[in-house]
Amino acid sequence: MESETRVETPSLGQKVTGWPASVKAYIEELQSEMRRVTWPSWKQVRATTTVVIVAVFAFGVYFFAVDLAITRVVTKIFDAFTK
């Protein structure tokens, strides 16, 4: 015969009374983790922000050109079939 392991689910009362302790433990773990983070320097933040902005504009120009080309091709195809 196989043995069954039962996991008891906490009652609503246990969940409600245990909530403040869970929140406190979460905040303490969060603070501990945030102390271990290696934050970038201001110079690194500016450099990566510049890269992102330039990349967004480059992709914008690229997609504008592709959209314009596809629009012209599709318009010519429609014009050829509607005449």
N, C-alpha and C. Protein backbone atom coordinates (compact mmCIF):
# COMPACT_ATOMS: atom_id res chain seq x y z
N MET A 1 0.82 -1.17 0.00
CA MET A 1 0.00 0.00 0.00
C MET A 1 0.88 1.25 0.00
N GLU A 2 0.50 2.22 -0.79
CA GLU A 2 1.27 3.46 -0.87
C GLU A 2 0.88 4.38 0.27
N SER A 3 1.89 5.04 0.82
CA SER A 3 1.57 5.99 1.89
C SER A 3 1.25 7.34 1.27
N GLU A 4 0.25 7.94 1.81
CA GLU A 4 -0.17 9.25 1.30
C GLU A 4 0.30 10.33 2.26
N THR A 5 0.84 11.37 1.68
CA THR A 5 1.24 12.50 2.50
C THR A 5 0.20 13.58 2.32
N ARG A 6 -0.31 14.01 3.41
CA ARG A 6 -1.31 15.06 3.35
C ARG A 6 -0.68 16.38 3.73
N VAL A 7 -0.97 17.37 2.95
CA VAL A 7 -0.52 18.72 3.27
C VAL A 7 -1.74 19.49 3.72
N GLU A 8 -1.68 19.95 4.95
CA GLU A 8 -2.82 20.69 5.46
C GLU A 8 -2.77 22.12 4.96
N THR A 9 -3.89 22.57 4.46
CA THR A 9 -3.96 23.96 4.03
C THR A 9 -4.38 24.79 5.23
N PRO A 10 -3.74 25.93 5.39
CA PRO A 10 -4.08 26.76 6.55
C PRO A 10 -5.50 27.31 6.44
N SER A 11 -6.13 27.48 7.58
CA SER A 11 -7.48 28.04 7.59
C SER A 11 -7.41 29.53 7.31
N LEU A 12 -8.57 30.10 7.07
CA LEU A 12 -8.64 31.53 6.78
C LEU A 12 -8.11 32.34 7.96
N GLY A 13 -8.44 31.92 9.16
CA GLY A 13 -7.95 32.62 10.36
C GLY A 13 -6.44 32.59 10.46
N GLN A 14 -5.83 31.44 10.12
CA GLN A 14 -4.37 31.34 10.15
C GLN A 14 -3.74 32.22 9.08
N LYS A 15 -4.39 32.28 7.92
CA LYS A 15 -3.87 33.13 6.84
C LYS A 15 -3.91 34.59 7.25
N VAL A 16 -5.03 35.01 7.84
CA VAL A 16 -5.19 36.42 8.23
C VAL A 16 -4.20 36.79 9.33
N THR A 17 -4.04 35.94 10.32
CA THR A 17 -3.13 36.29 11.43
C THR A 17 -1.67 36.17 11.02
N GLY A 18 -1.35 35.36 10.01
CA GLY A 18 0.03 35.20 9.57
C GLY A 18 0.45 36.23 8.53
N TRP A 19 -0.50 37.02 8.05
CA TRP A 19 -0.22 37.98 6.98
C TRP A 19 0.80 39.04 7.38
N PRO A 20 0.68 39.69 8.52
CA PRO A 20 1.68 40.72 8.87
C PRO A 20 3.10 40.16 8.96
N ALA A 21 3.25 38.96 9.47
CA ALA A 21 4.58 38.35 9.58
C ALA A 21 5.14 38.06 8.19
N SER A 22 4.28 37.62 7.28
CA SER A 22 4.72 37.34 5.90
C SER A 22 5.17 38.62 5.21
N VAL A 23 4.42 39.69 5.41
CA VAL A 23 4.78 40.97 4.79
C VAL A 23 6.10 41.48 5.36
N LYS A 24 6.27 41.37 6.68
CA LYS A 24 7.51 41.82 7.31
C LYS A 24 8.70 41.02 6.78
N ALA A 25 8.55 39.70 6.66
CA ALA A 25 9.64 38.86 6.14
C ALA A 25 9.96 39.23 4.70
N TYR A 26 8.92 39.49 3.91
CA TYR A 26 9.13 39.88 2.51
C TYR A 26 9.92 41.19 2.43
N ILE A 27 9.54 42.17 3.21
CA ILE A 27 10.23 43.47 3.18
C ILE A 27 11.68 43.32 3.63
N GLU A 28 11.92 42.52 4.65
CA GLU A 28 13.30 42.31 5.11
C GLU A 28 14.14 41.62 4.04
N GLU A 29 13.58 40.63 3.36
CA GLU A 29 14.31 39.96 2.28
C GLU A 29 14.56 40.92 1.12
N LEU A 30 13.58 41.76 0.83
CA LEU A 30 13.72 42.75 -0.24
C LEU A 30 14.84 43.73 0.07
N GLN A 31 14.88 44.23 1.30
CA GLN A 31 15.94 45.17 1.69
C GLN A 31 17.31 44.50 1.62
N SER A 32 17.38 43.26 2.05
CA SER A 32 18.65 42.53 2.00
C SER A 32 19.13 42.36 0.56
N GLU A 33 18.19 42.02 -0.31
CA GLU A 33 18.53 41.83 -1.73
C GLU A 33 18.96 43.14 -2.37
N MET A 34 18.29 44.24 -2.04
CA MET A 34 18.61 45.53 -2.63
C MET A 34 20.00 46.02 -2.20
N ARG A 35 20.47 45.62 -1.02
CA ARG A 35 21.82 45.99 -0.59
C ARG A 35 22.88 45.29 -1.43
N ARG A 36 22.54 44.15 -2.01
CA ARG A 36 23.51 43.39 -2.81
C ARG A 36 23.57 43.84 -4.27
N VAL A 37 22.65 44.69 -4.68
CA VAL A 37 22.59 45.13 -6.07
C VAL A 37 23.79 46.03 -6.38
N THR A 38 24.39 45.80 -7.54
CA THR A 38 25.46 46.68 -8.00
C THR A 38 24.83 47.70 -8.94
N TRP A 39 24.75 48.92 -8.46
CA TRP A 39 24.09 49.96 -9.24
C TRP A 39 25.06 50.55 -10.26
N PRO A 40 24.58 50.88 -11.47
CA PRO A 40 25.46 51.48 -12.47
C PRO A 40 25.80 52.92 -12.11
N SER A 41 26.93 53.37 -12.62
CA SER A 41 27.31 54.76 -12.38
C SER A 41 26.45 55.67 -13.27
N TRP A 42 26.47 56.96 -12.96
CA TRP A 42 25.70 57.93 -13.74
C TRP A 42 26.18 57.95 -15.19
N LYS A 43 27.48 57.78 -15.39
CA LYS A 43 28.04 57.76 -16.75
C LYS A 43 27.49 56.56 -17.53
N GLN A 44 27.41 55.40 -16.90
CA GLN A 44 26.87 54.22 -17.57
C GLN A 44 25.39 54.40 -17.89
N VAL A 45 24.64 55.01 -16.98
CA VAL A 45 23.22 55.24 -17.21
C VAL A 45 23.02 56.15 -18.42
N ARG A 46 23.79 57.24 -18.49
CA ARG A 46 23.68 58.16 -19.64
C ARG A 46 24.04 57.46 -20.94
N ALA A 47 25.11 56.66 -20.92
CA ALA A 47 25.56 55.98 -22.14
C ALA A 47 24.52 54.99 -22.64
N THR A 48 23.98 54.17 -21.75
CA THR A 48 22.99 53.19 -22.19
C THR A 48 21.68 53.85 -22.60
N THR A 49 21.31 54.95 -21.94
CA THR A 49 20.11 55.68 -22.34
C THR A 49 20.28 56.26 -23.74
N THR A 50 21.45 56.79 -24.03
CA THR A 50 21.73 57.32 -25.37
C THR A 50 21.63 56.22 -26.42
N VAL A 51 22.18 55.06 -26.12
CA VAL A 51 22.12 53.93 -27.06
C VAL A 51 20.66 53.55 -27.32
N VAL A 52 19.86 53.50 -26.28
CA VAL A 52 18.45 53.13 -26.44
C VAL A 52 17.71 54.16 -27.30
N ILE A 53 17.92 55.43 -27.03
CA ILE A 53 17.23 56.48 -27.79
C ILE A 53 17.64 56.44 -29.26
N VAL A 54 18.94 56.30 -29.54
CA VAL A 54 19.41 56.21 -30.92
C VAL A 54 18.82 54.98 -31.61
N ALA A 55 18.79 53.85 -30.92
CA ALA A 55 18.25 52.62 -31.50
C ALA A 55 16.77 52.77 -31.80
N VAL A 56 16.02 53.41 -30.92
CA VAL A 56 14.58 53.61 -31.16
C VAL A 56 14.37 54.46 -32.41
N PHE A 57 15.13 55.54 -32.55
CA PHE A 57 14.98 56.37 -33.75
C PHE A 57 15.42 55.62 -35.01
N ALA A 58 16.49 54.84 -34.92
CA ALA A 58 16.95 54.08 -36.08
C ALA A 58 15.90 53.06 -36.51
N PHE A 59 15.34 52.34 -35.57
CA PHE A 59 14.28 51.38 -35.91
C PHE A 59 13.05 52.10 -36.46
N GLY A 60 12.73 53.26 -35.90
CA GLY A 60 11.60 54.04 -36.40
C GLY A 60 11.78 54.42 -37.87
N VAL A 61 12.97 54.91 -38.21
CA VAL A 61 13.26 55.27 -39.61
C VAL A 61 13.21 54.03 -40.50
N TYR A 62 13.77 52.93 -40.03
CA TYR A 62 13.78 51.68 -40.80
C TYR A 62 12.35 51.21 -41.07
N PHE A 63 11.52 51.16 -40.04
CA PHE A 63 10.15 50.69 -40.23
C PHE A 63 9.33 51.66 -41.07
N PHE A 64 9.61 52.95 -40.97
CA PHE A 64 8.93 53.92 -41.83
C PHE A 64 9.26 53.64 -43.29
N ALA A 65 10.54 53.41 -43.59
CA ALA A 65 10.96 53.14 -44.97
C ALA A 65 10.35 51.83 -45.48
N VAL A 66 10.35 50.80 -44.68
CA VAL A 66 9.77 49.52 -45.10
C VAL A 66 8.27 49.68 -45.32
N ASP A 67 7.59 50.37 -44.41
CA ASP A 67 6.15 50.59 -44.54
C ASP A 67 5.84 51.38 -45.81
N LEU A 68 6.64 52.40 -46.08
CA LEU A 68 6.43 53.21 -47.28
C LEU A 68 6.62 52.37 -48.54
N ALA A 69 7.66 51.55 -48.57
CA ALA A 69 7.92 50.71 -49.75
C ALA A 69 6.79 49.69 -49.95
N ILE A 70 6.36 49.04 -48.88
CA ILE A 70 5.29 48.05 -49.01
C ILE A 70 3.99 48.72 -49.43
N THR A 71 3.71 49.90 -48.89
CA THR A 71 2.50 50.63 -49.26
C THR A 71 2.50 50.96 -50.75
N ARG A 72 3.63 51.41 -51.26
CA ARG A 72 3.70 51.75 -52.69
C ARG A 72 3.53 50.52 -53.57
N VAL A 73 4.13 49.41 -53.18
CA VAL A 73 4.00 48.17 -53.96
C VAL A 73 2.56 47.69 -53.96
N VAL A 74 1.94 47.66 -52.80
CA VAL A 74 0.55 47.20 -52.71
C VAL A 74 -0.37 48.14 -53.48
N THR A 75 -0.14 49.44 -53.41
CA THR A 75 -0.96 50.40 -54.15
C THR A 75 -0.82 50.18 -55.65
N LYS A 76 0.39 49.94 -56.13
CA LYS A 76 0.59 49.68 -57.56
C LYS A 76 -0.12 48.40 -57.99
N ILE A 77 -0.08 47.37 -57.14
CA ILE A 77 -0.77 46.12 -57.47
C ILE A 77 -2.28 46.36 -57.53
N PHE A 78 -2.84 47.07 -56.57
CA PHE A 78 -4.27 47.37 -56.59
C PHE A 78 -4.65 48.21 -57.80
N ASP A 79 -3.82 49.21 -58.12
CA ASP A 79 -4.09 50.06 -59.29
C ASP A 79 -4.06 49.25 -60.58
N ALA A 80 -3.17 48.27 -60.68
CA ALA A 80 -3.06 47.45 -61.88
C ALA A 80 -4.30 46.60 -62.06
N PHE A 81 -4.87 46.10 -60.99
CA PHE A 81 -6.04 45.23 -61.10
C PHE A 81 -7.36 45.99 -61.17
N THR A 82 -7.39 47.26 -60.80
CA THR A 82 -8.63 48.01 -60.81
C THR A 82 -8.82 48.83 -62.09
N LYS A 83 -7.83 48.85 -62.94
CA LYS A 83 -7.98 49.61 -64.19
C LYS A 83 -8.58 48.77 -65.28
